């Protein structure tokens, strides 16, 4: 397990906007992270009715960012290239609001394709083995 203190400085998300709490496992293609932040009242994505499931796409995107950063670090890179989320596809939501769910969320991302210009991932977010959201996301690495 990798606690947030191990990788948080590698991604642009800071403070309460860093939604993931720990990485349970990762390899060349996949990452499994957890978060209990969906239930926090200071969650920056929370609206007046709670945390809508559409925001679980951001949890998936952050798992992508952490995965890319861990890969870059494993390859010896001292700096991580910034990425820009450019598309979400085939997003499915299986719950309307998720802030009342107890415990943690399991956030999974799988790299489908990556090169120097960007990457595409499939993601899914689960609670106690029940699928809450899934989809695909693409990120580009803007040229400097």
C-alpha atoms as a PDB file:
ATOM      1  CA  UNK A   1       0.000   0.000   0.000  1.00  0.00           C
ATOM      2  CA  UNK A   2       1.164   3.510  -0.807  1.00  0.00           C
ATOM      3  CA  UNK A   3      -0.203   6.244   1.464  1.00  0.00           C
ATOM      4  CA  UNK A   4      -1.098   9.644   0.057  1.00  0.00           C
ATOM      5  CA  UNK A   5       2.131  11.101   1.449  1.00  0.00           C
ATOM      6  CA  UNK A   6       4.066   8.885  -0.988  1.00  0.00           C
ATOM      7  CA  UNK A   7       2.513  10.230  -4.206  1.00  0.00           C
ATOM      8  CA  UNK A   8       0.420  13.367  -3.523  1.00  0.00           C
ATOM      9  CA  UNK A   9       3.252  15.702  -4.519  1.00  0.00           C
ATOM     10  CA  UNK A  10       3.373  14.036  -7.951  1.00  0.00           C
ATOM     11  CA  UNK A  11      -0.109  15.177  -9.031  1.00  0.00           C
ATOM     12  CA  UNK A  12      -1.562  18.687  -9.388  1.00  0.00           C
ATOM     13  CA  UNK A  13      -4.505  18.054  -7.044  1.00  0.00           C
ATOM     14  CA  UNK A  14      -3.955  19.534  -3.588  1.00  0.00           C
ATOM     15  CA  UNK A  15      -5.730  19.878  -0.274  1.00  0.00           C
ATOM     16  CA  UNK A  16      -9.274  18.561  -0.200  1.00  0.00           C
ATOM     17  CA  UNK A  17      -9.245  18.363  -4.007  1.00  0.00           C
ATOM     18  CA  UNK A  18      -6.811  15.442  -3.741  1.00  0.00           C
ATOM     19  CA  UNK A  19      -9.644  12.923  -3.496  1.00  0.00           C
ATOM     20  CA  UNK A  20      -7.786   9.622  -3.154  1.00  0.00           C
ATOM     21  CA  UNK A  21      -6.475   8.421   0.199  1.00  0.00           C
ATOM     22  CA  UNK A  22      -4.143   5.547  -0.710  1.00  0.00           C
ATOM     23  CA  UNK A  23      -3.046   3.239  -3.502  1.00  0.00           C
ATOM     24  CA  UNK A  24      -3.626  -0.400  -2.606  1.00  0.00           C
ATOM     25  CA  UNK A  25      -1.995  -1.874  -5.712  1.00  0.00           C
ATOM     26  CA  UNK A  26      -0.640  -0.840  -9.086  1.00  0.00           C
ATOM     27  CA  UNK A  27       1.307  -2.283 -11.978  1.00  0.00           C
ATOM     28  CA  UNK A  28       2.253  -1.299 -15.515  1.00  0.00           C
ATOM     29  CA  UNK A  29      -1.401  -1.188 -16.671  1.00  0.00           C
ATOM     30  CA  UNK A  30      -3.660  -0.834 -13.634  1.00  0.00           C
ATOM     31  CA  UNK A  31      -4.168   0.961 -10.352  1.00  0.00           C
ATOM     32  CA  UNK A  32      -6.463   0.315  -7.393  1.00  0.00           C
ATOM     33  CA  UNK A  33      -6.906   3.277  -5.064  1.00  0.00           C
ATOM     34  CA  UNK A  34      -9.273   3.941  -2.178  1.00  0.00           C
ATOM     35  CA  UNK A  35     -11.024   7.006  -0.854  1.00  0.00           C
ATOM     36  CA  UNK A  36     -13.293   7.831   2.031  1.00  0.00           C
ATOM     37  CA  UNK A  37     -13.552  11.463   0.932  1.00  0.00           C
ATOM     38  CA  UNK A  38     -16.933  10.973  -0.699  1.00  0.00           C
ATOM     39  CA  UNK A  39     -18.543  11.190   2.764  1.00  0.00           C
ATOM     40  CA  UNK A  40     -16.618  14.240   3.961  1.00  0.00           C
ATOM     41  CA  UNK A  41     -18.649  17.413   4.331  1.00  0.00           C
ATOM     42  CA  UNK A  42     -15.690  19.460   3.032  1.00  0.00           C
ATOM     43  CA  UNK A  43     -15.521  17.528  -0.262  1.00  0.00           C
ATOM     44  CA  UNK A  44     -15.069  20.344  -2.823  1.00  0.00           C
ATOM     45  CA  UNK A  45     -17.330  18.570  -5.353  1.00  0.00           C
ATOM     46  CA  UNK A  46     -20.230  18.244  -2.945  1.00  0.00           C
ATOM     47  CA  UNK A  47     -23.378  20.210  -3.803  1.00  0.00           C
ATOM     48  CA  UNK A  48     -26.365  21.203  -1.698  1.00  0.00           C
ATOM     49  CA  UNK A  49     -27.933  17.742  -2.117  1.00  0.00           C
ATOM     50  CA  UNK A  50     -24.722  15.788  -1.542  1.00  0.00           C
ATOM     51  CA  UNK A  51     -22.023  14.304  -3.774  1.00  0.00           C
ATOM     52  CA  UNK A  52     -23.554  13.373  -7.119  1.00  0.00           C
ATOM     53  CA  UNK A  53     -22.252  10.210  -8.741  1.00  0.00           C
ATOM     54  CA  UNK A  54     -21.162  12.134 -11.851  1.00  0.00           C
ATOM     55  CA  UNK A  55     -18.226  13.354  -9.762  1.00  0.00           C
ATOM     56  CA  UNK A  56     -16.928   9.799  -9.522  1.00  0.00           C
ATOM     57  CA  UNK A  57     -15.426  10.431 -12.968  1.00  0.00           C
ATOM     58  CA  UNK A  58     -13.030  12.820 -11.208  1.00  0.00           C
ATOM     59  CA  UNK A  59     -12.056  10.020  -8.820  1.00  0.00           C
ATOM     60  CA  UNK A  60     -11.267   7.885 -11.875  1.00  0.00           C
ATOM     61  CA  UNK A  61      -9.309  10.728 -13.487  1.00  0.00           C
ATOM     62  CA  UNK A  62      -7.259  11.210 -10.336  1.00  0.00           C
ATOM     63  CA  UNK A  63      -6.460   7.497 -10.280  1.00  0.00           C
ATOM     64  CA  UNK A  64      -5.218   7.946 -13.862  1.00  0.00           C
ATOM     65  CA  UNK A  65      -3.020  10.865 -12.780  1.00  0.00           C
ATOM     66  CA  UNK A  66      -1.559   8.919  -9.875  1.00  0.00           C
ATOM     67  CA  UNK A  67      -0.939   5.896 -12.114  1.00  0.00           C
ATOM     68  CA  UNK A  68       0.870   8.002 -14.720  1.00  0.00           C
ATOM     69  CA  UNK A  69       2.944   9.674 -12.018  1.00  0.00           C
ATOM     70  CA  UNK A  70       3.917   6.374 -10.412  1.00  0.00           C
ATOM     71  CA  UNK A  71       4.924   4.984 -13.818  1.00  0.00           C
ATOM     72  CA  UNK A  72       7.021   8.067 -14.560  1.00  0.00           C
ATOM     73  CA  UNK A  73       8.718   7.839 -11.174  1.00  0.00           C
ATOM     74  CA  UNK A  74       9.415   4.115 -11.656  1.00  0.00           C
ATOM     75  CA  UNK A  75      11.097   4.961 -14.968  1.00  0.00           C
ATOM     76  CA  UNK A  76      13.371   7.435 -13.213  1.00  0.00           C
ATOM     77  CA  UNK A  77      11.662  10.690 -14.130  1.00  0.00           C
ATOM     78  CA  UNK A  78      12.100  13.425 -11.555  1.00  0.00           C
ATOM     79  CA  UNK A  79       9.207  15.463 -12.941  1.00  0.00           C
ATOM     80  CA  UNK A  80       5.783  14.378 -14.086  1.00  0.00           C
ATOM     81  CA  UNK A  81       4.355  15.861 -17.265  1.00  0.00           C
ATOM     82  CA  UNK A  82       1.107  17.728 -16.693  1.00  0.00           C
ATOM     83  CA  UNK A  83      -1.997  16.249 -18.246  1.00  0.00           C
ATOM     84  CA  UNK A  84      -5.306  17.711 -19.304  1.00  0.00           C
ATOM     85  CA  UNK A  85      -8.516  15.686 -19.177  1.00  0.00           C
ATOM     86  CA  UNK A  86     -10.072  16.088 -22.618  1.00  0.00           C
ATOM     87  CA  UNK A  87     -12.898  13.571 -22.825  1.00  0.00           C
ATOM     88  CA  UNK A  88     -15.155  11.200 -20.957  1.00  0.00           C
ATOM     89  CA  UNK A  89     -16.877   8.399 -22.874  1.00  0.00           C
ATOM     90  CA  UNK A  90     -19.400   5.693 -22.066  1.00  0.00           C
ATOM     91  CA  UNK A  91     -19.887   6.981 -18.520  1.00  0.00           C
ATOM     92  CA  UNK A  92     -22.482   4.960 -16.646  1.00  0.00           C
ATOM     93  CA  UNK A  93     -23.811   5.889 -13.212  1.00  0.00           C
ATOM     94  CA  UNK A  94     -25.541   3.317 -11.029  1.00  0.00           C
ATOM     95  CA  UNK A  95     -26.350   5.519  -8.037  1.00  0.00           C
ATOM     96  CA  UNK A  96     -27.473   9.146  -7.882  1.00  0.00           C
ATOM     97  CA  UNK A  97     -25.712  10.400  -4.735  1.00  0.00           C
ATOM     98  CA  UNK A  98     -22.809   8.639  -3.035  1.00  0.00           C
ATOM     99  CA  UNK A  99     -22.009  10.711   0.057  1.00  0.00           C
ATOM    100  CA  UNK A 100     -24.223   8.596   2.333  1.00  0.00           C
ATOM    101  CA  UNK A 101     -22.322   5.385   1.594  1.00  0.00           C
ATOM    102  CA  UNK A 102     -20.254   4.298   4.577  1.00  0.00           C
ATOM    103  CA  UNK A 103     -16.673   3.104   4.414  1.00  0.00           C
ATOM    104  CA  UNK A 104     -14.427   3.683   1.435  1.00  0.00           C
ATOM    105  CA  UNK A 105     -14.759   3.673  -2.339  1.00  0.00           C
ATOM    106  CA  UNK A 106     -12.578   1.430  -4.497  1.00  0.00           C
ATOM    107  CA  UNK A 107     -11.298   3.323  -7.529  1.00  0.00           C
ATOM    108  CA  UNK A 108      -9.865   1.264 -10.393  1.00  0.00           C
ATOM    109  CA  UNK A 109      -8.252   2.502 -13.592  1.00  0.00           C
ATOM    110  CA  UNK A 110      -6.757   0.523 -16.458  1.00  0.00           C
ATOM    111  CA  UNK A 111      -4.521   2.070 -19.108  1.00  0.00           C
ATOM    112  CA  UNK A 112      -5.863   1.169 -22.537  1.00  0.00           C
ATOM    113  CA  UNK A 113      -3.360   3.216 -24.519  1.00  0.00           C
ATOM    114  CA  UNK A 114      -0.535   5.630 -23.715  1.00  0.00           C
ATOM    115  CA  UNK A 115       2.182   7.457 -25.583  1.00  0.00           C
ATOM    116  CA  UNK A 116       4.078  10.739 -25.210  1.00  0.00           C
ATOM    117  CA  UNK A 117       1.003  12.709 -26.305  1.00  0.00           C
ATOM    118  CA  UNK A 118      -1.507  11.304 -23.835  1.00  0.00           C
ATOM    119  CA  UNK A 119      -3.388   8.278 -22.588  1.00  0.00           C
ATOM    120  CA  UNK A 120      -6.776   6.619 -22.508  1.00  0.00           C
ATOM    121  CA  UNK A 121      -8.032   4.719 -19.478  1.00  0.00           C
ATOM    122  CA  UNK A 122     -11.078   2.750 -18.433  1.00  0.00           C
ATOM    123  CA  UNK A 123     -12.202   3.450 -14.881  1.00  0.00           C
ATOM    124  CA  UNK A 124     -14.703   2.100 -12.414  1.00  0.00           C
ATOM    125  CA  UNK A 125     -15.674   3.086  -8.895  1.00  0.00           C
ATOM    126  CA  UNK A 126     -17.153   0.524  -6.518  1.00  0.00           C
ATOM    127  CA  UNK A 127     -18.504   0.438  -2.990  1.00  0.00           C
ATOM    128  CA  UNK A 128     -18.360  -2.906  -1.177  1.00  0.00           C
ATOM    129  CA  UNK A 129     -18.146  -4.700  -4.537  1.00  0.00           C
ATOM    130  CA  UNK A 130     -21.116  -2.861  -6.077  1.00  0.00           C
ATOM    131  CA  UNK A 131     -20.431  -0.814  -9.203  1.00  0.00           C
ATOM    132  CA  UNK A 132     -21.264   2.881  -8.774  1.00  0.00           C
ATOM    133  CA  UNK A 133     -19.766   4.375 -11.939  1.00  0.00           C
ATOM    134  CA  UNK A 134     -17.678   3.380 -14.933  1.00  0.00           C
ATOM    135  CA  UNK A 135     -16.413   4.865 -18.159  1.00  0.00           C
ATOM    136  CA  UNK A 136     -13.410   5.831 -20.213  1.00  0.00           C
ATOM    137  CA  UNK A 137     -11.340   8.986 -19.976  1.00  0.00           C
ATOM    138  CA  UNK A 138      -8.672  10.508 -22.178  1.00  0.00           C
ATOM    139  CA  UNK A 139      -5.890  12.854 -21.147  1.00  0.00           C
ATOM    140  CA  UNK A 140      -3.417  14.746 -23.304  1.00  0.00           C
ATOM    141  CA  UNK A 141       0.001  16.063 -22.383  1.00  0.00           C
ATOM    142  CA  UNK A 142       0.095  19.563 -23.889  1.00  0.00           C
ATOM    143  CA  UNK A 143       3.299  20.513 -25.608  1.00  0.00           C
ATOM    144  CA  UNK A 144       5.159  23.143 -23.656  1.00  0.00           C
END
